Amino acid sequence: MNLPAHSALFNNGGAGTLPRLPDHQHCYFDADGPDGPGTLGTFLGIWDEHRAQAGADRPIILCSSDHDFSRLVSGTRTAEQLGTAFTFLLTWGSIPSIYYGDEIGMRYLTGLPDHEGSIWTPSYNRAGCRTPMQWDEALPNAGFSTAEKSRLYLPQDPAEDRPTVAAQRDDPDSTLHLVRRLIALRRSVPELGTAAATRVLTTDYPLAYLRGDRHLVVVNPRHDAATAQLPAEASGPARLLEGKGVQVTGGLVEADGFGYGVFALD
C-alpha cells in the first residue's frame, strides 16, 4: 500500500512534514479526527484503486509503520489508542506488517542526530523510527546491547515509562498481548484474512465493516463516544470475540472513545 493511503490513516503530523505526502494533521486514527468520511474516504478510495489493479489473487500489504515513516505512537497519539489501530490492521483485507517495536508501542523520537542520511528534509528525520528495541529494564540499553550508550546506532527512548517487552509480557492488558490475541484470532477465523470480502458499513466514527458474511469489526479511534446504525443484514445477534468498549445490540453500535471490537454474527 502506498504512503498517501497510510498517511490518511495514521499521519497525525507528530513526526513533522513528510515529503511528497499530504499533511494529514487530522488523519482518521486521530483522537480529534474530523466528522464525516474525510481522510478515511481518502484511504478507501486509494484502497479500491489498488484492489482493482491487483486483482482478486494478489493481496495488498498494509503496515503499521516502517523505517522511513513515523511510528504509530507519534505526536499526541498514545498507547491507549493502539487497540483501534491494531484491530483494524489485523482484520482488514490486507496482509498486515507490524514494524518492530510497534507491538509494544515504542515511540517515534524527535530531536535525534542525522545518521546515515536520516534527515530526509529539514522538517522530517527518519531516525525517530529507527531507535533500538526496548527489551527489558536492564542497564545500560534496555537489553538491546551491553555496549556504552554512546556506541549505539541511535539513542534509545530516555523516558522512565518507556515500554519494554518484559513489562508487557507480565501485563495481560498490554498492547503486546492484544496484538498476540488478534493474530491468533486472525489465524483461527479465515474470514479475517485476505480472501474474504470486505464490506464497509459506516465511514464516519465508528468505522464498521463486515469480513465475509459473519464477522463484524468496529473501531472508534476518537476520544469521543460514537454510535452507528447497521444495515439490516448486519443487525443480527453479535458475539464479541475480541475487544473493549463496544456494544452491538439489535444493529445499534455503541462505541466508547478508543473502543474496538471483533464480533461473530450468529
Protein backbone atom coordinates (compact mmCIF):
# COMPACT_ATOMS: atom_id res chain seq x y z
CA MET A 1 0.00 0.00 0.00
CA ASN A 2 1.36 3.44 -0.83
CA LEU A 3 2.34 6.12 1.65
CA PRO A 4 -0.55 8.53 0.91
CA ALA A 5 -3.00 5.79 1.92
CA HIS A 6 -1.06 5.03 5.09
CA SER A 7 -0.77 8.75 5.79
CA ALA A 8 -4.54 9.23 5.55
CA LEU A 9 -4.95 6.62 8.28
CA PHE A 10 -2.10 7.35 10.68
CA ASN A 11 -0.07 10.50 9.92
CA ASN A 12 -1.01 12.96 12.68
CA GLY A 13 1.89 15.31 11.95
CA GLY A 14 3.77 14.27 15.09
CA ALA A 15 6.88 13.37 13.11
CA GLY A 16 6.92 16.58 11.08
CA THR A 17 6.08 17.09 7.44
CA LEU A 18 6.97 14.21 5.14
CA PRO A 19 7.99 14.92 1.54
CA ARG A 20 5.51 14.24 -1.25
CA LEU A 21 2.72 13.41 1.19
CA PRO A 22 -0.43 15.31 2.13
CA ASP A 23 -0.09 16.75 5.63
CA HIS A 24 -2.87 14.85 7.39
CA GLN A 25 -2.96 16.72 10.67
CA HIS A 26 -6.33 15.07 11.24
CA CYS A 27 -5.86 11.54 9.98
CA TYR A 28 -8.61 9.01 10.65
CA PHE A 29 -6.80 7.36 13.59
CA ASP A 30 -6.66 10.66 15.46
CA ALA A 31 -8.21 11.37 18.86
CA ASP A 32 -9.63 14.58 17.39
CA GLY A 33 -10.44 13.21 13.94
CA PRO A 34 -12.90 15.23 11.84
CA ASP A 35 -16.55 14.32 11.30
CA GLY A 36 -17.55 12.71 8.01
CA PRO A 37 -15.59 10.37 5.74
CA GLY A 38 -12.63 12.80 5.49
CA THR A 39 -9.29 11.03 5.41
CA LEU A 40 -10.95 7.62 5.76
CA GLY A 41 -12.57 8.35 2.41
CA THR A 42 -9.11 9.15 1.02
CA PHE A 43 -7.81 5.79 2.23
CA LEU A 44 -10.83 3.86 0.93
CA GLY A 45 -10.53 5.50 -2.48
CA ILE A 46 -6.86 4.53 -2.78
CA TRP A 47 -7.62 1.05 -1.43
CA ASP A 48 -10.29 0.50 -4.09
CA GLU A 49 -7.86 1.61 -6.81
CA HIS A 50 -5.16 -0.77 -5.59
CA ARG A 51 -7.66 -3.59 -5.15
CA ALA A 52 -8.88 -3.17 -8.72
CA GLN A 53 -5.32 -3.04 -10.10
CA ALA A 54 -4.07 -6.01 -8.07
CA GLY A 55 -6.98 -8.30 -8.83
CA ALA A 56 -8.54 -10.84 -6.54
CA ASP A 57 -5.50 -13.14 -6.37
CA ARG A 58 -2.89 -10.55 -5.28
CA PRO A 59 -3.07 -9.47 -1.62
CA ILE A 60 -2.03 -5.98 -0.55
CA ILE A 61 0.34 -5.25 2.35
CA LEU A 62 -0.60 -2.58 4.90
CA CYS A 63 2.00 -1.72 7.54
CA SER A 64 1.86 -0.16 10.98
CA SER A 65 4.92 1.97 10.07
CA ASP A 66 8.39 1.41 8.65
CA HIS A 67 11.98 2.68 8.80
CA ASP A 68 11.11 5.75 6.72
CA PHE A 69 7.78 6.64 8.33
CA SER A 70 6.59 7.69 11.77
CA ARG A 71 5.64 5.07 14.34
CA LEU A 72 2.04 4.62 15.44
CA VAL A 73 2.88 6.27 18.76
CA SER A 74 3.83 9.65 17.39
CA GLY A 75 2.93 13.19 18.40
CA THR A 76 -0.17 13.18 20.59
CA ARG A 77 -1.12 9.54 19.88
CA THR A 78 -0.70 7.39 22.99
CA ALA A 79 -0.63 3.68 23.72
CA GLU A 80 -4.29 3.91 24.78
CA GLN A 81 -5.18 4.47 21.13
CA LEU A 82 -3.35 1.45 19.73
CA GLY A 83 -6.20 -1.01 20.26
CA THR A 84 -8.18 0.54 17.43
CA ALA A 85 -5.17 0.71 15.10
CA PHE A 86 -4.14 -2.92 15.59
CA THR A 87 -7.71 -4.20 15.43
CA PHE A 88 -8.01 -2.52 12.04
CA LEU A 89 -4.60 -3.65 10.77
CA LEU A 90 -5.18 -7.28 11.76
CA THR A 91 -8.75 -7.62 10.45
CA TRP A 92 -8.76 -5.52 7.28
CA GLY A 93 -8.50 -7.42 3.98
CA SER A 94 -4.75 -6.90 3.67
CA ILE A 95 -1.54 -8.60 4.76
CA PRO A 96 -0.58 -6.79 7.99
CA SER A 97 3.05 -5.82 8.50
CA ILE A 98 3.94 -4.79 12.06
CA TYR A 99 7.14 -2.77 12.28
CA TYR A 100 9.45 -3.85 15.10
CA GLY A 101 8.59 -2.16 18.38
CA ASP A 102 5.09 -1.06 17.32
CA GLU A 103 3.72 -4.19 19.01
CA ILE A 104 4.73 -2.67 22.37
CA GLY A 105 4.02 0.94 21.43
CA MET A 106 7.57 2.24 21.04
CA ARG A 107 7.52 6.00 20.49
CA TYR A 108 8.70 7.98 17.49
CA LEU A 109 11.53 10.10 18.96
CA THR A 110 12.14 13.68 17.92
CA GLY A 111 15.37 15.69 18.01
CA LEU A 112 17.71 12.84 17.07
CA PRO A 113 21.01 13.35 15.22
CA ASP A 114 21.31 12.94 11.46
CA HIS A 115 22.62 9.40 10.95
CA GLU A 116 23.40 7.98 7.52
CA GLY A 117 21.09 10.45 5.79
CA SER A 118 18.20 10.06 8.20
CA ILE A 119 17.20 13.72 7.83
CA TRP A 120 15.10 13.39 4.70
CA THR A 121 14.12 17.06 4.63
CA PRO A 122 14.69 19.83 7.21
CA SER A 123 11.21 19.06 8.55
CA TYR A 124 11.48 15.28 8.85
CA ASN A 125 14.07 12.99 10.45
CA ARG A 126 13.67 9.27 9.78
CA ALA A 127 15.90 8.42 12.76
CA GLY A 128 12.88 8.82 15.04
CA CYS A 129 11.51 5.44 13.96
CA ARG A 130 14.87 3.62 13.90
CA THR A 131 15.86 3.57 17.58
CA PRO A 132 16.98 0.29 19.22
CA MET A 133 14.45 -2.22 20.51
CA GLN A 134 13.48 -1.94 24.18
CA TRP A 135 13.55 -5.47 25.57
CA ASP A 136 13.67 -5.02 29.34
CA GLU A 137 14.81 -2.71 32.14
CA ALA A 138 18.44 -3.83 32.10
CA LEU A 139 21.07 -1.12 32.00
CA PRO A 140 22.57 0.47 30.08
CA ASN A 141 20.48 -0.20 26.95
CA ALA A 142 17.21 -1.96 27.84
CA GLY A 143 18.54 -5.41 26.92
CA PHE A 144 19.48 -4.37 23.39
CA SER A 145 23.24 -4.18 23.97
CA THR A 146 25.81 -4.13 26.76
CA ALA A 147 27.89 -1.51 24.92
CA GLU A 148 28.26 2.04 26.17
CA LYS A 149 25.27 4.18 25.25
CA SER A 150 27.45 6.38 23.11
CA ARG A 151 28.23 3.42 20.81
CA LEU A 152 24.60 2.68 19.89
CA TYR A 153 23.49 3.36 16.34
CA LEU A 154 20.92 5.80 17.75
CA PRO A 155 19.95 6.68 21.31
CA GLN A 156 17.03 4.91 22.92
CA ASP A 157 13.88 6.43 24.36
CA PRO A 158 15.09 8.12 27.58
CA ALA A 159 11.65 8.25 29.25
CA GLU A 160 11.27 6.40 32.53
CA ASP A 161 7.95 4.95 31.36
CA ARG A 162 9.25 3.71 28.01
CA PRO A 163 7.53 0.44 27.03
CA THR A 164 9.50 -2.81 27.14
CA VAL A 165 8.78 -6.34 26.03
CA ALA A 166 9.45 -7.74 29.51
CA ALA A 167 6.96 -5.43 31.23
CA GLN A 168 4.25 -6.10 28.65
CA ARG A 169 4.72 -9.85 28.86
CA ASP A 170 3.72 -9.58 32.52
CA ASP A 171 0.65 -7.43 31.79
CA PRO A 172 -2.32 -9.28 30.22
CA ASP A 173 -3.88 -5.93 29.25
CA SER A 174 -0.79 -4.72 27.38
CA THR A 175 -0.54 -3.83 23.71
CA LEU A 176 1.73 -6.84 23.16
CA HIS A 177 -0.87 -9.30 24.46
CA LEU A 178 -3.63 -7.62 22.43
CA VAL A 179 -1.56 -7.98 19.26
CA ARG A 180 -0.90 -11.64 20.06
CA ARG A 181 -4.63 -12.28 20.65
CA LEU A 182 -5.58 -10.55 17.40
CA ILE A 183 -3.01 -12.57 15.45
CA ALA A 184 -4.36 -15.79 16.98
CA LEU A 185 -7.93 -14.71 16.15
CA ARG A 186 -6.95 -13.94 12.55
CA ARG A 187 -5.38 -17.39 12.24
CA SER A 188 -8.43 -19.15 13.69
CA VAL A 189 -11.04 -17.23 11.66
CA PRO A 190 -10.32 -17.48 7.91
CA GLU A 191 -12.78 -14.67 7.13
CA LEU A 192 -10.47 -12.21 8.89
CA GLY A 193 -7.65 -12.98 6.44
CA THR A 194 -7.12 -11.77 2.89
CA ALA A 195 -9.54 -13.99 0.96
CA ALA A 196 -12.93 -12.94 2.32
CA ALA A 197 -14.78 -9.89 1.02
CA THR A 198 -14.65 -6.64 2.98
CA ARG A 199 -17.80 -4.53 3.07
CA VAL A 200 -17.63 -1.10 4.70
CA LEU A 201 -20.84 -0.30 6.60
CA THR A 202 -20.02 3.12 8.08
CA THR A 203 -17.47 5.74 7.01
CA ASP A 204 -17.58 8.15 9.94
CA TYR A 205 -16.95 7.29 13.60
CA PRO A 206 -17.10 4.48 14.43
CA LEU A 207 -15.85 2.60 11.38
CA ALA A 208 -17.73 -0.67 10.95
CA TYR A 209 -17.12 -3.29 8.29
CA LEU A 210 -18.04 -6.88 7.53
CA ARG A 211 -15.48 -9.56 6.71
CA GLY A 212 -17.22 -12.23 4.73
CA ASP A 213 -20.81 -12.62 5.84
CA ARG A 214 -20.43 -13.36 9.53
CA HIS A 215 -17.76 -11.19 11.14
CA LEU A 216 -18.20 -7.56 12.11
CA VAL A 217 -15.34 -5.23 13.05
CA VAL A 218 -15.87 -1.88 14.81
CA VAL A 219 -13.20 0.69 15.65
CA ASN A 220 -13.61 4.18 17.11
CA PRO A 221 -10.22 5.96 17.06
CA ARG A 222 -11.59 9.20 18.54
CA HIS A 223 -11.71 10.02 22.25
CA ASP A 224 -15.45 10.82 21.99
CA ALA A 225 -18.01 8.03 22.15
CA ALA A 226 -19.82 7.30 18.90
CA THR A 227 -22.86 5.38 17.68
CA ALA A 228 -23.96 3.93 14.35
CA GLN A 229 -26.92 2.00 12.99
CA LEU A 230 -26.01 -1.04 10.94
CA PRO A 231 -27.97 -2.18 7.86
CA ALA A 232 -30.47 -4.97 8.36
CA GLU A 233 -28.20 -7.73 7.05
CA ALA A 234 -25.65 -6.95 9.78
CA SER A 235 -28.06 -6.39 12.65
CA GLY A 236 -28.36 -9.93 13.97
CA PRO A 237 -27.04 -11.15 17.34
CA ALA A 238 -23.38 -10.20 17.71
CA ARG A 239 -20.99 -12.23 19.85
CA LEU A 240 -17.80 -10.48 20.97
CA LEU A 241 -14.61 -12.34 20.01
CA GLU A 242 -12.11 -9.64 20.99
CA GLY A 243 -12.48 -6.05 22.01
CA LYS A 244 -13.06 -3.35 24.53
CA GLY A 245 -15.66 -0.62 24.87
CA VAL A 246 -18.01 -1.61 22.03
CA GLN A 247 -21.55 -3.00 22.26
CA VAL A 248 -23.76 -4.12 19.38
CA THR A 249 -27.46 -4.55 20.15
CA GLY A 250 -30.12 -5.02 17.51
CA GLY A 251 -27.94 -3.40 14.89
CA LEU A 252 -27.11 -0.37 17.03
CA VAL A 253 -23.37 0.07 17.62
CA GLU A 254 -22.28 1.99 20.73
CA ALA A 255 -18.54 2.58 20.94
CA ASP A 256 -16.63 4.25 23.75
CA GLY A 257 -13.77 6.55 22.92
CA PHE A 258 -10.89 4.41 21.58
CA GLY A 259 -13.24 1.41 21.59
CA TYR A 260 -12.72 -1.61 19.33
CA GLY A 261 -14.37 -4.95 18.78
CA VAL A 262 -14.47 -8.03 16.56
CA PHE A 263 -17.82 -9.85 16.56
CA ALA A 264 -19.30 -13.04 15.14
CA LEU A 265 -22.79 -12.53 13.77
CA ASP A 266 -24.61 -15.66 14.96
